[in-house]
Amino acid sequence: EEVKAGSPVWWSWLLLALPPLAVASGGYSYARSWYIKRQWE
């Protein structure tokens, strides 16, 4: 339930319809995850 609230189905369809948005979203997610990983280490 928590996972779906953070990434609803409509958002996935929007990313599929707009590949540039999917790339931007993926880039932001990667950068954020990398920063948290680096901070933890």
Full PDB file with SEQRES, HELIX, SHEET, SSBOND, CRYST1, ORIGX, SCALE, CONECT and MASTER records, all heavy atoms in Angstrom:
SEQRES   1 A   41  GLU GLU VAL LYS ALA GLY SER PRO VAL TRP TRP SER TRP          
SEQRES   2 A   41  LEU LEU LEU ALA LEU PRO PRO LEU ALA VAL ALA SER GLY          
SEQRES   3 A   41  GLY TYR SER TYR ALA ARG SER TRP TYR ILE LYS ARG GLN          
SEQRES   4 A   41  TRP GLU                                                      
HELIX    1 AA1 GLU A    2  GLY A    6  1                                   5    
HELIX    2 AA2 VAL A    9  ALA A   17  1                                   9    
HELIX    3 AA3 PRO A   19  TRP A   40  1                                  22    
CRYST1    1.000    1.000    1.000  90.00  90.00  90.00 P 1           1          
ORIGX1      1.000000  0.000000  0.000000        0.00000                         
ORIGX2      0.000000  1.000000  0.000000        0.00000                         
ORIGX3      0.000000  0.000000  1.000000        0.00000                         
SCALE1      1.000000  0.000000  0.000000        0.00000                         
SCALE2      0.000000  1.000000  0.000000        0.00000                         
SCALE3      0.000000  0.000000  1.000000        0.00000                         
ATOM      1  N   GLU A   1       0.840  -1.201   0.000  1.00  0.00           N  
ATOM      2  CA  GLU A   1       0.000   0.000   0.000  1.00  0.00           C  
ATOM      3  C   GLU A   1       0.873   1.248   0.000  1.00  0.00           C  
ATOM      4  O   GLU A   1       0.587   2.229  -0.698  1.00  0.00           O  
ATOM      5  CB  GLU A   1      -0.923  -0.004   1.232  1.00  0.00           C  
ATOM      6  CG  GLU A   1      -2.093  -0.971   1.140  1.00  0.00           C  
ATOM      7  CD  GLU A   1      -3.044  -0.818   2.314  1.00  0.00           C  
ATOM      8  OE1 GLU A   1      -2.902   0.171   3.069  1.00  0.00           O  
ATOM      9  OE2 GLU A   1      -3.920  -1.684   2.481  1.00  0.00           O  
ATOM     10  N   GLU A   2       1.935   1.208   0.779  1.00  0.00           N  
ATOM     11  CA  GLU A   2       2.867   2.336   0.828  1.00  0.00           C  
ATOM     12  C   GLU A   2       3.586   2.504  -0.504  1.00  0.00           C  
ATOM     13  O   GLU A   2       3.764   3.624  -0.996  1.00  0.00           O  
ATOM     14  CB  GLU A   2       3.878   2.114   1.954  1.00  0.00           C  
ATOM     15  CG  GLU A   2       4.845   3.265   2.146  1.00  0.00           C  
ATOM     16  CD  GLU A   2       5.801   3.052   3.319  1.00  0.00           C  
ATOM     17  OE1 GLU A   2       5.521   2.160   4.144  1.00  0.00           O  
ATOM     18  OE2 GLU A   2       6.809   3.783   3.394  1.00  0.00           O  
ATOM     19  N   VAL A   3       3.999   1.386  -1.095  1.00  0.00           N  
ATOM     20  CA  VAL A   3       4.709   1.443  -2.377  1.00  0.00           C  
ATOM     21  C   VAL A   3       3.802   2.015  -3.465  1.00  0.00           C  
ATOM     22  O   VAL A   3       4.218   2.885  -4.248  1.00  0.00           O  
ATOM     23  CB  VAL A   3       5.212   0.041  -2.778  1.00  0.00           C  
ATOM     24  CG1 VAL A   3       5.741   0.049  -4.210  1.00  0.00           C  
ATOM     25  CG2 VAL A   3       6.291  -0.433  -1.819  1.00  0.00           C  
ATOM     26  N   LYS A   4       2.561   1.544  -3.517  1.00  0.00           N  
ATOM     27  CA  LYS A   4       1.628   2.036  -4.535  1.00  0.00           C  
ATOM     28  C   LYS A   4       1.316   3.511  -4.354  1.00  0.00           C  
ATOM     29  O   LYS A   4       1.122   4.238  -5.338  1.00  0.00           O  
ATOM     30  CB  LYS A   4       0.336   1.213  -4.494  1.00  0.00           C  
ATOM     31  CG  LYS A   4       0.480  -0.197  -5.042  1.00  0.00           C  
ATOM     32  CD  LYS A   4      -0.861  -0.929  -5.008  1.00  0.00           C  
ATOM     33  CE  LYS A   4      -0.756  -2.308  -5.629  1.00  0.00           C  
ATOM     34  NZ  LYS A   4      -2.054  -3.031  -5.596  1.00  0.00           N  
ATOM     35  N   ALA A   5       1.259   3.956  -3.110  1.00  0.00           N  
ATOM     36  CA  ALA A   5       0.995   5.373  -2.858  1.00  0.00           C  
ATOM     37  C   ALA A   5       2.128   6.238  -3.399  1.00  0.00           C  
ATOM     38  O   ALA A   5       1.907   7.368  -3.849  1.00  0.00           O  
ATOM     39  CB  ALA A   5       0.813   5.619  -1.362  1.00  0.00           C  
ATOM     40  N   GLY A   6       3.351   5.715  -3.378  1.00  0.00           N  
ATOM     41  CA  GLY A   6       4.496   6.471  -3.868  1.00  0.00           C  
ATOM     42  C   GLY A   6       4.691   6.377  -5.361  1.00  0.00           C  
ATOM     43  O   GLY A   6       5.371   7.219  -5.953  1.00  0.00           O  
ATOM     44  N   SER A   7       4.096   5.363  -5.997  1.00  0.00           N  
ATOM     45  CA  SER A   7       4.247   5.188  -7.446  1.00  0.00           C  
ATOM     46  C   SER A   7       2.950   4.615  -8.011  1.00  0.00           C  
ATOM     47  O   SER A   7       2.862   3.426  -8.334  1.00  0.00           O  
ATOM     48  CB  SER A   7       5.426   4.253  -7.756  1.00  0.00           C  
ATOM     49  OG  SER A   7       5.625   4.134  -9.146  1.00  0.00           O  
ATOM     50  N   PRO A   8       1.914   5.441  -8.139  1.00  0.00           N  
ATOM     51  CA  PRO A   8       0.614   4.959  -8.617  1.00  0.00           C  
ATOM     52  C   PRO A   8       0.666   4.511 -10.071  1.00  0.00           C  
ATOM     53  O   PRO A   8       1.562   4.890 -10.826  1.00  0.00           O  
ATOM     54  CB  PRO A   8      -0.300   6.185  -8.453  1.00  0.00           C  
ATOM     55  CG  PRO A   8       0.628   7.350  -8.455  1.00  0.00           C  
ATOM     56  CD  PRO A   8       1.898   6.879  -7.833  1.00  0.00           C  
ATOM     57  N   VAL A   9      -0.308   3.716 -10.472  1.00  0.00           N  
ATOM     58  CA  VAL A   9      -0.345   3.159 -11.826  1.00  0.00           C  
ATOM     59  C   VAL A   9      -0.405   4.266 -12.872  1.00  0.00           C  
ATOM     60  O   VAL A   9       0.242   4.184 -13.923  1.00  0.00           O  
ATOM     61  CB  VAL A   9      -1.540   2.202 -11.965  1.00  0.00           C  
ATOM     62  CG1 VAL A   9      -1.656   1.711 -13.404  1.00  0.00           C  
ATOM     63  CG2 VAL A   9      -1.385   1.010 -11.021  1.00  0.00           C  
ATOM     64  N   TRP A  10      -1.177   5.338 -12.607  1.00  0.00           N  
ATOM     65  CA  TRP A  10      -1.299   6.401 -13.599  1.00  0.00           C  
ATOM     66  C   TRP A  10       0.038   7.053 -13.899  1.00  0.00           C  
ATOM     67  O   TRP A  10       0.300   7.495 -15.028  1.00  0.00           O  
ATOM     68  CB  TRP A  10      -2.313   7.456 -13.152  1.00  0.00           C  
ATOM     69  CG  TRP A  10      -1.939   8.238 -11.915  1.00  0.00           C  
ATOM     70  CD1 TRP A  10      -2.320   7.999 -10.640  1.00  0.00           C  
ATOM     71  CD2 TRP A  10      -1.073   9.400 -11.873  1.00  0.00           C  
ATOM     72  NE1 TRP A  10      -1.765   8.921  -9.780  1.00  0.00           N  
ATOM     73  CE2 TRP A  10      -0.996   9.797 -10.508  1.00  0.00           C  
ATOM     74  CE3 TRP A  10      -0.382  10.128 -12.832  1.00  0.00           C  
ATOM     75  CZ2 TRP A  10      -0.231  10.885 -10.102  1.00  0.00           C  
ATOM     76  CZ3 TRP A  10       0.382  11.218 -12.423  1.00  0.00           C  
ATOM     77  CH2 TRP A  10       0.441  11.596 -11.083  1.00  0.00           C  
ATOM     78  N   TRP A  11       0.922   7.108 -12.893  1.00  0.00           N  
ATOM     79  CA  TRP A  11       2.244   7.685 -13.098  1.00  0.00           C  
ATOM     80  C   TRP A  11       3.075   6.827 -14.053  1.00  0.00           C  
ATOM     81  O   TRP A  11       3.791   7.346 -14.912  1.00  0.00           O  
ATOM     82  CB  TRP A  11       2.944   7.838 -11.757  1.00  0.00           C  
ATOM     83  CG  TRP A  11       4.355   8.338 -11.827  1.00  0.00           C  
ATOM     84  CD1 TRP A  11       5.488   7.653 -11.505  1.00  0.00           C  
ATOM     85  CD2 TRP A  11       4.799   9.640 -12.241  1.00  0.00           C  
ATOM     86  NE1 TRP A  11       6.599   8.424 -11.687  1.00  0.00           N  
ATOM     87  CE2 TRP A  11       6.214   9.661 -12.134  1.00  0.00           C  
ATOM     88  CE3 TRP A  11       4.140  10.782 -12.687  1.00  0.00           C  
ATOM     89  CZ2 TRP A  11       6.978  10.771 -12.472  1.00  0.00           C  
ATOM     90  CZ3 TRP A  11       4.910  11.899 -13.014  1.00  0.00           C  
ATOM     91  CH2 TRP A  11       6.306  11.890 -12.911  1.00  0.00           C  
ATOM     92  N   SER A  12       2.937   5.511 -13.940  1.00  0.00           N  
ATOM     93  CA  SER A  12       3.659   4.605 -14.828  1.00  0.00           C  
ATOM     94  C   SER A  12       3.190   4.775 -16.267  1.00  0.00           C  
ATOM     95  O   SER A  12       3.995   4.767 -17.209  1.00  0.00           O  
ATOM     96  CB  SER A  12       3.461   3.154 -14.377  1.00  0.00           C  
ATOM     97  OG  SER A  12       3.990   2.945 -13.092  1.00  0.00           O  
ATOM     98  N   TRP A  13       1.891   4.922 -16.466  1.00  0.00           N  
ATOM     99  CA  TRP A  13       1.361   5.135 -17.813  1.00  0.00           C  
ATOM    100  C   TRP A  13       1.830   6.470 -18.378  1.00  0.00           C  
ATOM    101  O   TRP A  13       2.126   6.588 -19.581  1.00  0.00           O  
ATOM    102  CB  TRP A  13      -0.165   5.064 -17.805  1.00  0.00           C  
ATOM    103  CG  TRP A  13      -0.683   3.667 -17.751  1.00  0.00           C  
ATOM    104  CD1 TRP A  13      -1.249   3.027 -16.688  1.00  0.00           C  
ATOM    105  CD2 TRP A  13      -0.662   2.704 -18.814  1.00  0.00           C  
ATOM    106  NE1 TRP A  13      -1.577   1.737 -17.013  1.00  0.00           N  
ATOM    107  CE2 TRP A  13      -1.241   1.514 -18.323  1.00  0.00           C  
ATOM    108  CE3 TRP A  13      -0.217   2.730 -20.129  1.00  0.00           C  
ATOM    109  CZ2 TRP A  13      -1.376   0.370 -19.099  1.00  0.00           C  
ATOM    110  CZ3 TRP A  13      -0.357   1.591 -20.918  1.00  0.00           C  
ATOM    111  CH2 TRP A  13      -0.935   0.422 -20.393  1.00  0.00           C  
ATOM    112  N   LEU A  14       1.920   7.482 -17.531  1.00  0.00           N  
ATOM    113  CA  LEU A  14       2.396   8.787 -17.973  1.00  0.00           C  
ATOM    114  C   LEU A  14       3.853   8.704 -18.421  1.00  0.00           C  
ATOM    115  O   LEU A  14       4.237   9.286 -19.447  1.00  0.00           O  
ATOM    116  CB  LEU A  14       2.237   9.814 -16.849  1.00  0.00           C  
ATOM    117  CG  LEU A  14       2.613  11.269 -17.192  1.00  0.00           C  
ATOM    118  CD1 LEU A  14       1.720  11.806 -18.305  1.00  0.00           C  
ATOM    119  CD2 LEU A  14       2.508  12.154 -15.949  1.00  0.00           C  
ATOM    120  N   LEU A  15       4.684   7.980 -17.665  1.00  0.00           N  
ATOM    121  CA  LEU A  15       6.087   7.812 -18.027  1.00  0.00           C  
ATOM    122  C   LEU A  15       6.230   7.027 -19.332  1.00  0.00           C  
ATOM    123  O   LEU A  15       7.128   7.294 -20.132  1.00  0.00           O  
ATOM    124  CB  LEU A  15       6.843   7.096 -16.904  1.00  0.00           C  
ATOM    125  CG  LEU A  15       6.949   7.838 -15.569  1.00  0.00           C  
ATOM    126  CD1 LEU A  15       7.756   7.004 -14.583  1.00  0.00           C  
ATOM    127  CD2 LEU A  15       7.579   9.202 -15.748  1.00  0.00           C  
ATOM    128  N   LEU A  16       5.329   6.068 -19.550  1.00  0.00           N  
ATOM    129  CA  LEU A  16       5.361   5.293 -20.786  1.00  0.00           C  
ATOM    130  C   LEU A  16       5.006   6.175 -21.979  1.00  0.00           C  
ATOM    131  O   LEU A  16       5.606   6.061 -23.054  1.00  0.00           O  
ATOM    132  CB  LEU A  16       4.387   4.111 -20.698  1.00  0.00           C  
ATOM    133  CG  LEU A  16       4.301   3.201 -21.936  1.00  0.00           C  
ATOM    134  CD1 LEU A  16       5.645   2.535 -22.201  1.00  0.00           C  
ATOM    135  CD2 LEU A  16       3.215   2.150 -21.750  1.00  0.00           C  
ATOM    136  N   ALA A  17       4.055   7.088 -21.770  1.00  0.00           N  
ATOM    137  CA  ALA A  17       3.608   7.969 -22.856  1.00  0.00           C  
ATOM    138  C   ALA A  17       4.605   9.088 -23.128  1.00  0.00           C  
ATOM    139  O   ALA A  17       4.675   9.598 -24.258  1.00  0.00           O  
ATOM    140  CB  ALA A  17       2.244   8.565 -22.512  1.00  0.00           C  
ATOM    141  N   LEU A  18       5.383   9.465 -22.116  1.00  0.00           N  
ATOM    142  CA  LEU A  18       6.329  10.580 -22.258  1.00  0.00           C  
ATOM    143  C   LEU A  18       7.741  10.111 -21.883  1.00  0.00           C  
ATOM    144  O   LEU A  18       8.199  10.317 -20.754  1.00  0.00           O  
ATOM    145  CB  LEU A  18       5.912  11.750 -21.370  1.00  0.00           C  
ATOM    146  CG  LEU A  18       4.528  12.360 -21.641  1.00  0.00           C  
ATOM    147  CD1 LEU A  18       4.184  13.385 -20.575  1.00  0.00           C  
ATOM    148  CD2 LEU A  18       4.492  12.988 -23.034  1.00  0.00           C  
ATOM    149  N   PRO A  19       8.448   9.462 -22.809  1.00  0.00           N  
ATOM    150  CA  PRO A  19       9.802   8.954 -22.509  1.00  0.00           C  
ATOM    151  C   PRO A  19      10.757   9.994 -21.939  1.00  0.00           C  
ATOM    152  O   PRO A  19      11.536   9.660 -21.033  1.00  0.00           O  
ATOM    153  CB  PRO A  19      10.279   8.428 -23.874  1.00  0.00           C  
ATOM    154  CG  PRO A  19       9.009   8.047 -24.585  1.00  0.00           C  
ATOM    155  CD  PRO A  19       8.002   9.082 -24.163  1.00  0.00           C  
ATOM    156  N   PRO A  20      10.743  11.263 -22.403  1.00  0.00           N  
ATOM    157  CA  PRO A  20      11.662  12.241 -21.785  1.00  0.00           C  
ATOM    158  C   PRO A  20      11.389  12.426 -20.288  1.00  0.00           C  
ATOM    159  O   PRO A  20      12.323  12.589 -19.503  1.00  0.00           O  
ATOM    160  CB  PRO A  20      11.375  13.539 -22.571  1.00  0.00           C  
ATOM    161  CG  PRO A  20      10.869  13.071 -23.890  1.00  0.00           C  
ATOM    162  CD  PRO A  20      10.057  11.848 -23.576  1.00  0.00           C  
ATOM    163  N   LEU A  21      10.104  12.392 -19.913  1.00  0.00           N  
ATOM    164  CA  LEU A  21       9.753  12.495 -18.503  1.00  0.00           C  
ATOM    165  C   LEU A  21      10.265  11.268 -17.745  1.00  0.00           C  
ATOM    166  O   LEU A  21      10.735  11.379 -16.602  1.00  0.00           O  
ATOM    167  CB  LEU A  21       8.244  12.634 -18.339  1.00  0.00           C  
ATOM    168  CG  LEU A  21       7.717  12.724 -16.891  1.00  0.00           C  
ATOM    169  CD1 LEU A  21       8.300  13.948 -16.188  1.00  0.00           C  
ATOM    170  CD2 LEU A  21       6.188  12.771 -16.879  1.00  0.00           C  
ATOM    171  N   ALA A  22      10.180  10.100 -18.388  1.00  0.00           N  
ATOM    172  CA  ALA A  22      10.662   8.871 -17.760  1.00  0.00           C  
ATOM    173  C   ALA A  22      12.167   8.949 -17.510  1.00  0.00           C  
ATOM    174  O   ALA A  22      12.664   8.544 -16.453  1.00  0.00           O  
ATOM    175  CB  ALA A  22      10.339   7.661 -18.639  1.00  0.00           C  
ATOM    176  N   VAL A  23      12.897   9.507 -18.480  1.00  0.00           N  
ATOM    177  CA  VAL A  23      14.347   9.653 -18.334  1.00  0.00           C  
ATOM    178  C   VAL A  23      14.671  10.627 -17.197  1.00  0.00           C  
ATOM    179  O   VAL A  23      15.542  10.363 -16.353  1.00  0.00           O  
ATOM    180  CB  VAL A  23      14.980  10.143 -19.649  1.00  0.00           C  
ATOM    181  CG1 VAL A  23      16.457  10.474 -19.430  1.00  0.00           C  
ATOM    182  CG2 VAL A  23      14.841   9.081 -20.731  1.00  0.00           C  
ATOM    183  N   ALA A  24      13.952  11.755 -17.156  1.00  0.00           N  
ATOM    184  CA  ALA A  24      14.187  12.749 -16.102  1.00  0.00           C  
ATOM    185  C   ALA A  24      13.861  12.182 -14.731  1.00  0.00           C  
ATOM    186  O   ALA A  24      14.610  12.380 -13.763  1.00  0.00           O  
ATOM    187  CB  ALA A  24      13.347  13.994 -16.372  1.00  0.00           C  
ATOM    188  N   SER A  25      12.736  11.458 -14.635  1.00  0.00           N  
ATOM    189  CA  SER A  25      12.335  10.860 -13.368  1.00  0.00           C  
ATOM    190  C   SER A  25      13.347   9.820 -12.911  1.00  0.00           C  
ATOM    191  O   SER A  25      13.727   9.764 -11.730  1.00  0.00           O  
ATOM    192  CB  SER A  25      10.950  10.228 -13.503  1.00  0.00           C  
ATOM    193  OG  SER A  25      10.577   9.565 -12.316  1.00  0.00           O  
ATOM    194  N   GLY A  26      13.787   8.994 -13.861  1.00  0.00           N  
ATOM    195  CA  GLY A  26      14.778   7.981 -13.525  1.00  0.00           C  
ATOM    196  C   GLY A  26      16.103   8.589 -13.095  1.00  0.00           C  
ATOM    197  O   GLY A  26      16.750   8.102 -12.169  1.00  0.00           O  
ATOM    198  N   GLY A  27      16.495   9.676 -13.753  1.00  0.00           N  
ATOM    199  CA  GLY A  27      17.737  10.352 -13.399  1.00  0.00           C  
ATOM    200  C   GLY A  27      17.693  10.941 -11.998  1.00  0.00           C  
ATOM    201  O   GLY A  27      18.657  10.839 -11.232  1.00  0.00           O  
ATOM    202  N   TYR A  28      16.553  11.550 -11.662  1.00  0.00           N  
ATOM    203  CA  TYR A  28      16.403  12.114 -10.324  1.00  0.00           C  
ATOM    204  C   TYR A  28      16.441  11.015  -9.269  1.00  0.00           C  
ATOM    205  O   TYR A  28      17.105  11.147  -8.232  1.00  0.00           O  
ATOM    206  CB  TYR A  28      15.089  12.878 -10.223  1.00  0.00           C  
ATOM    207  CG  TYR A  28      14.739  13.285  -8.802  1.00  0.00           C  
ATOM    208  CD1 TYR A  28      15.374  14.369  -8.191  1.00  0.00           C  
ATOM    209  CD2 TYR A  28      13.802  12.554  -8.068  1.00  0.00           C  
ATOM    210  CE1 TYR A  28      15.077  14.720  -6.877  1.00  0.00           C  
ATOM    211  CE2 TYR A  28      13.500  12.900  -6.757  1.00  0.00           C  
ATOM    212  CZ  TYR A  28      14.135  13.984  -6.172  1.00  0.00           C  
ATOM    213  OH  TYR A  28      13.839  14.320  -4.870  1.00  0.00           O  
ATOM    214  N   SER A  29      15.725   9.911  -9.532  1.00  0.00           N  
ATOM    215  CA  SER A  29      15.682   8.806  -8.583  1.00  0.00           C  
ATOM    216  C   SER A  29      17.074   8.218  -8.370  1.00  0.00           C  
ATOM    217  O   SER A  29      17.478   7.916  -7.238  1.00  0.00           O  
ATOM    218  CB  SER A  29      14.723   7.716  -9.084  1.00  0.00           C  
ATOM    219  OG  SER A  29      14.730   6.594  -8.217  1.00  0.00           O  
ATOM    220  N   TYR A  30      17.826   8.079  -9.466  1.00  0.00           N  
ATOM    221  CA  TYR A  30      19.177   7.519  -9.360  1.00  0.00           C  
ATOM    222  C   TYR A  30      20.075   8.429  -8.533  1.00  0.00           C  
ATOM    223  O   TYR A  30      20.802   7.965  -7.644  1.00  0.00           O  
ATOM    224  CB  TYR A  30      19.777   7.323 -10.755  1.00  0.00           C  
ATOM    225  CG  TYR A  30      21.146   6.694 -10.741  1.00  0.00           C  
ATOM    226  CD1 TYR A  30      21.289   5.309 -10.848  1.00  0.00           C  
ATOM    227  CD2 TYR A  30      22.300   7.458 -10.611  1.00  0.00           C  
ATOM    228  CE1 TYR A  30      22.536   4.712 -10.824  1.00  0.00           C  
ATOM    229  CE2 TYR A  30      23.555   6.877 -10.570  1.00  0.00           C  
ATOM    230  CZ  TYR A  30      23.664   5.512 -10.684  1.00  0.00           C  
ATOM    231  OH  TYR A  30      24.904   4.923 -10.655  1.00  0.00           O  
ATOM    232  N   ALA A  31      20.018   9.750  -8.832  1.00  0.00           N  
ATOM    233  CA  ALA A  31      20.872  10.698  -8.121  1.00  0.00           C  
ATOM    234  C   ALA A  31      20.542  10.719  -6.630  1.00  0.00           C  
ATOM    235  O   ALA A  31      21.445  10.752  -5.775  1.00  0.00           O  
ATOM    236  CB  ALA A  31      20.710  12.090  -8.726  1.00  0.00           C  
ATOM    237  N   ARG A  32      19.256  10.685  -6.304  1.00  0.00           N  
ATOM    238  CA  ARG A  32      18.834  10.705  -4.908  1.00  0.00           C  
ATOM    239  C   ARG A  32      19.311   9.443  -4.190  1.00  0.00           C  
ATOM    240  O   ARG A  32      19.838   9.506  -3.072  1.00  0.00           O  
ATOM    241  CB  ARG A  32      17.317  10.824  -4.810  1.00  0.00           C  
ATOM    242  CG  ARG A  32      16.777  10.844  -3.384  1.00  0.00           C  
ATOM    243  CD  ARG A  32      15.260  10.946  -3.366  1.00  0.00           C  
ATOM    244  NE  ARG A  32      14.757  10.987  -1.999  1.00  0.00           N  
ATOM    245  CZ  ARG A  32      14.540   9.911  -1.257  1.00  0.00           C  
ATOM    246  NH1 ARG A  32      14.789   8.709  -1.753  1.00  0.00           N  
ATOM    247  NH2 ARG A  32      14.080  10.018  -0.021  1.00  0.00           N  
ATOM    248  N   SER A  33      19.119   8.297  -4.840  1.00  0.00           N  
ATOM    249  CA  SER A  33      19.516   7.028  -4.230  1.00  0.00           C  
ATOM    250  C   SER A  33      21.029   6.966  -4.050  1.00  0.00           C  
ATOM    251  O   SER A  33      21.533   6.470  -3.035  1.00  0.00           O  
ATOM    252  CB  SER A  33      19.044   5.855  -5.091  1.00  0.00           C  
ATOM    253  OG  SER A  33      17.637   5.819  -5.170  1.00  0.00           O  
ATOM    254  N   TRP A  34      21.763   7.475  -5.025  1.00  0.00           N  
ATOM    255  CA  TRP A  34      23.226   7.468  -4.937  1.00  0.00           C  
ATOM    256  C   TRP A  34      23.690   8.343  -3.778  1.00  0.00           C  
ATOM    257  O   TRP A  34      24.601   7.966  -3.033  1.00  0.00           O  
ATOM    258  CB  TRP A  34      23.839   7.963  -6.241  1.00  0.00           C  
ATOM    259  CG  TRP A  34      25.337   7.950  -6.225  1.00  0.00           C  
ATOM    260  CD1 TRP A  34      26.163   6.918  -6.576  1.00  0.00           C  
ATOM    261  CD2 TRP A  34      26.197   9.023  -5.795  1.00  0.00           C  
ATOM    262  NE1 TRP A  34      27.480   7.276  -6.397  1.00  0.00           N  
ATOM    263  CE2 TRP A  34      27.539   8.562  -5.920  1.00  0.00           C  
ATOM    264  CE3 TRP A  34      25.973  10.314  -5.330  1.00  0.00           C  
ATOM    265  CZ2 TRP A  34      28.624   9.355  -5.596  1.00  0.00           C  
ATOM    266  CZ3 TRP A  34      27.064  11.108  -4.997  1.00  0.00           C  
ATOM    267  CH2 TRP A  34      28.380  10.635  -5.136  1.00  0.00           C  
ATOM    268  N   TYR A  35      23.053   9.493  -3.621  1.00  0.00           N  
ATOM    269  CA  TYR A  35      23.439  10.406  -2.537  1.00  0.00           C  
ATOM    270  C   TYR A  35      23.187   9.767  -1.173  1.00  0.00           C  
ATOM    271  O   TYR A  35      24.043   9.834  -0.276  1.00  0.00           O  
ATOM    272  CB  TYR A  35      22.652  11.709  -2.655  1.00  0.00           C  
ATOM    273  CG  TYR A  35      22.913  12.669  -1.512  1.00  0.00           C  
ATOM    274  CD1 TYR A  35      24.085  13.422  -1.466  1.00  0.00           C  
ATOM    275  CD2 TYR A  35      21.989  12.805  -0.473  1.00  0.00           C  
ATOM    276  CE1 TYR A  35      24.341  14.294  -0.402  1.00  0.00           C  
ATOM    277  CE2 TYR A  35      22.229  13.675   0.585  1.00  0.00           C  
ATOM    278  CZ  TYR A  35      23.407  14.409   0.618  1.00  0.00           C  
ATOM    279  OH  TYR A  35      23.645  15.256   1.667  1.00  0.00           O  
ATOM    280  N   ILE A  36      22.032   9.123  -1.010  1.00  0.00           N  
ATOM    281  CA  ILE A  36      21.713   8.471   0.261  1.00  0.00           C  
ATOM    282  C   ILE A  36      22.691   7.333   0.530  1.00  0.00           C  
ATOM    283  O   ILE A  36      23.164   7.150   1.661  1.00  0.00           O  
ATOM    284  CB  ILE A  36      20.260   7.948   0.246  1.00  0.00           C  
ATOM    285  CG1 ILE A  36      19.282   9.131   0.190  1.00  0.00           C  
ATOM    286  CG2 ILE A  36      19.975   7.093   1.471  1.00  0.00           C  
ATOM    287  CD1 ILE A  36      17.844   8.727  -0.015  1.00  0.00           C  
ATOM    288  N   LYS A  37      23.002   6.563  -0.506  1.00  0.00           N  
ATOM    289  CA  LYS A  37      23.974   5.476  -0.383  1.00  0.00           C  
ATOM    290  C   LYS A  37      25.336   6.021   0.054  1.00  0.00           C  
ATOM    291  O   LYS A  37      25.976   5.479   0.968  1.00  0.00           O  
ATOM    292  CB  LYS A  37      24.103   4.746  -1.717  1.00  0.00           C  
ATOM    293  CG  LYS A  37      25.225   3.713  -1.801  1.00  0.00           C  
ATOM    294  CD  LYS A  37      25.213   3.062  -3.171  1.00  0.00           C  
ATOM    295  CE  LYS A  37      26.360   2.065  -3.324  1.00  0.00           C  
ATOM    296  NZ  LYS A  37      27.675   2.754  -3.394  1.00  0.00           N  
ATOM    297  N   ARG A  38      25.775   7.088  -0.585  1.00  0.00           N  
ATOM    298  CA  ARG A  38      27.066   7.687  -0.267  1.00  0.00           C  
ATOM    299  C   ARG A  38      27.080   8.216   1.163  1.00  0.00           C  
ATOM    300  O   ARG A  38      28.062   8.035   1.902  1.00  0.00           O  
ATOM    301  CB  ARG A  38      27.337   8.831  -1.250  1.00  0.00           C  
ATOM    302  CG  ARG A  38      28.661   9.541  -1.043  1.00  0.00           C  
ATOM    303  CD  ARG A  38      29.829   8.663  -1.367  1.00  0.00           C  
ATOM    304  NE  ARG A  38      31.071   9.409  -1.314  1.00  0.00           N  
ATOM    305  CZ  ARG A  38      32.280   8.855  -1.339  1.00  0.00           C  
ATOM    306  NH1 ARG A  38      32.395   7.541  -1.432  1.00  0.00           N  
ATOM    307  NH2 ARG A  38      33.365   9.595  -1.290  1.00  0.00           N  
ATOM    308  N   GLN A  39      25.998   8.853   1.561  1.00  0.00           N  
ATOM    309  CA  GLN A  39      25.896   9.399   2.916  1.00  0.00           C  
ATOM    310  C   GLN A  39      25.976   8.288   3.951  1.00  0.00           C  
ATOM    311  O   GLN A  39      26.666   8.413   4.971  1.00  0.00           O  
ATOM    312  CB  GLN A  39      24.580  10.171   3.051  1.00  0.00           C  
ATOM    313  CG  GLN A  39      24.476  11.061   4.267  1.00  0.00           C  
ATOM    314  CD  GLN A  39      23.199  11.863   4.266  1.00  0.00           C  
ATOM    315  OE1 GLN A  39      22.109  11.344   3.997  1.00  0.00           O  
ATOM    316  NE2 GLN A  39      23.302  13.147   4.563  1.00  0.00           N  
ATOM    317  N   TRP A  40      25.280   7.185   3.705  1.00  0.00           N  
ATOM    318  CA  TRP A  40      25.301   6.051   4.627  1.00  0.00           C  
ATOM    319  C   TRP A  40      26.719   5.493   4.760  1.00  0.00           C  
ATOM    320  O   TRP A  40      27.199   5.230   5.863  1.00  0.00           O  
ATOM    321  CB  TRP A  40      24.353   4.972   4.122  1.00  0.00           C  
ATOM    322  CG  TRP A  40      24.460   3.668   4.842  1.00  0.00           C  
ATOM    323  CD1 TRP A  40      25.333   2.648   4.589  1.00  0.00           C  
ATOM    324  CD2 TRP A  40      23.682   3.224   5.960  1.00  0.00           C  
ATOM    325  NE1 TRP A  40      25.145   1.608   5.454  1.00  0.00           N  
ATOM    326  CE2 TRP A  40      24.142   1.934   6.313  1.00  0.00           C  
ATOM    327  CE3 TRP A  40      22.637   3.794   6.687  1.00  0.00           C  
ATOM    328  CZ2 TRP A  40      23.586   1.213   7.356  1.00  0.00           C  
ATOM    329  CZ3 TRP A  40      22.100   3.060   7.727  1.00  0.00           C  
ATOM    330  CH2 TRP A  40      22.562   1.794   8.056  1.00  0.00           C  
ATOM    331  N   GLU A  41      27.393   5.303   3.627  1.00  0.00           N  
ATOM    332  CA  GLU A  41      28.733   4.734   3.648  1.00  0.00           C  
ATOM    333  C   GLU A  41      29.709   5.636   4.395  1.00  0.00           C  
ATOM    334  O   GLU A  41      30.589   5.158   5.112  1.00  0.00           O  
ATOM    335  CB  GLU A  41      29.209   4.493   2.210  1.00  0.00           C  
ATOM    336  CG  GLU A  41      28.448   3.378   1.508  1.00  0.00           C  
ATOM    337  CD  GLU A  41      28.794   3.267   0.046  1.00  0.00           C  
ATOM    338  OE1 GLU A  41      29.392   4.236  -0.500  1.00  0.00           O  
ATOM    339  OE2 GLU A  41      28.467   2.239  -0.569  1.00  0.00           O  
TER     340      GLU A  41                                                      
MASTER        0    0    0    3    0    0    0    6  339    1    0    4          
END                                                                             
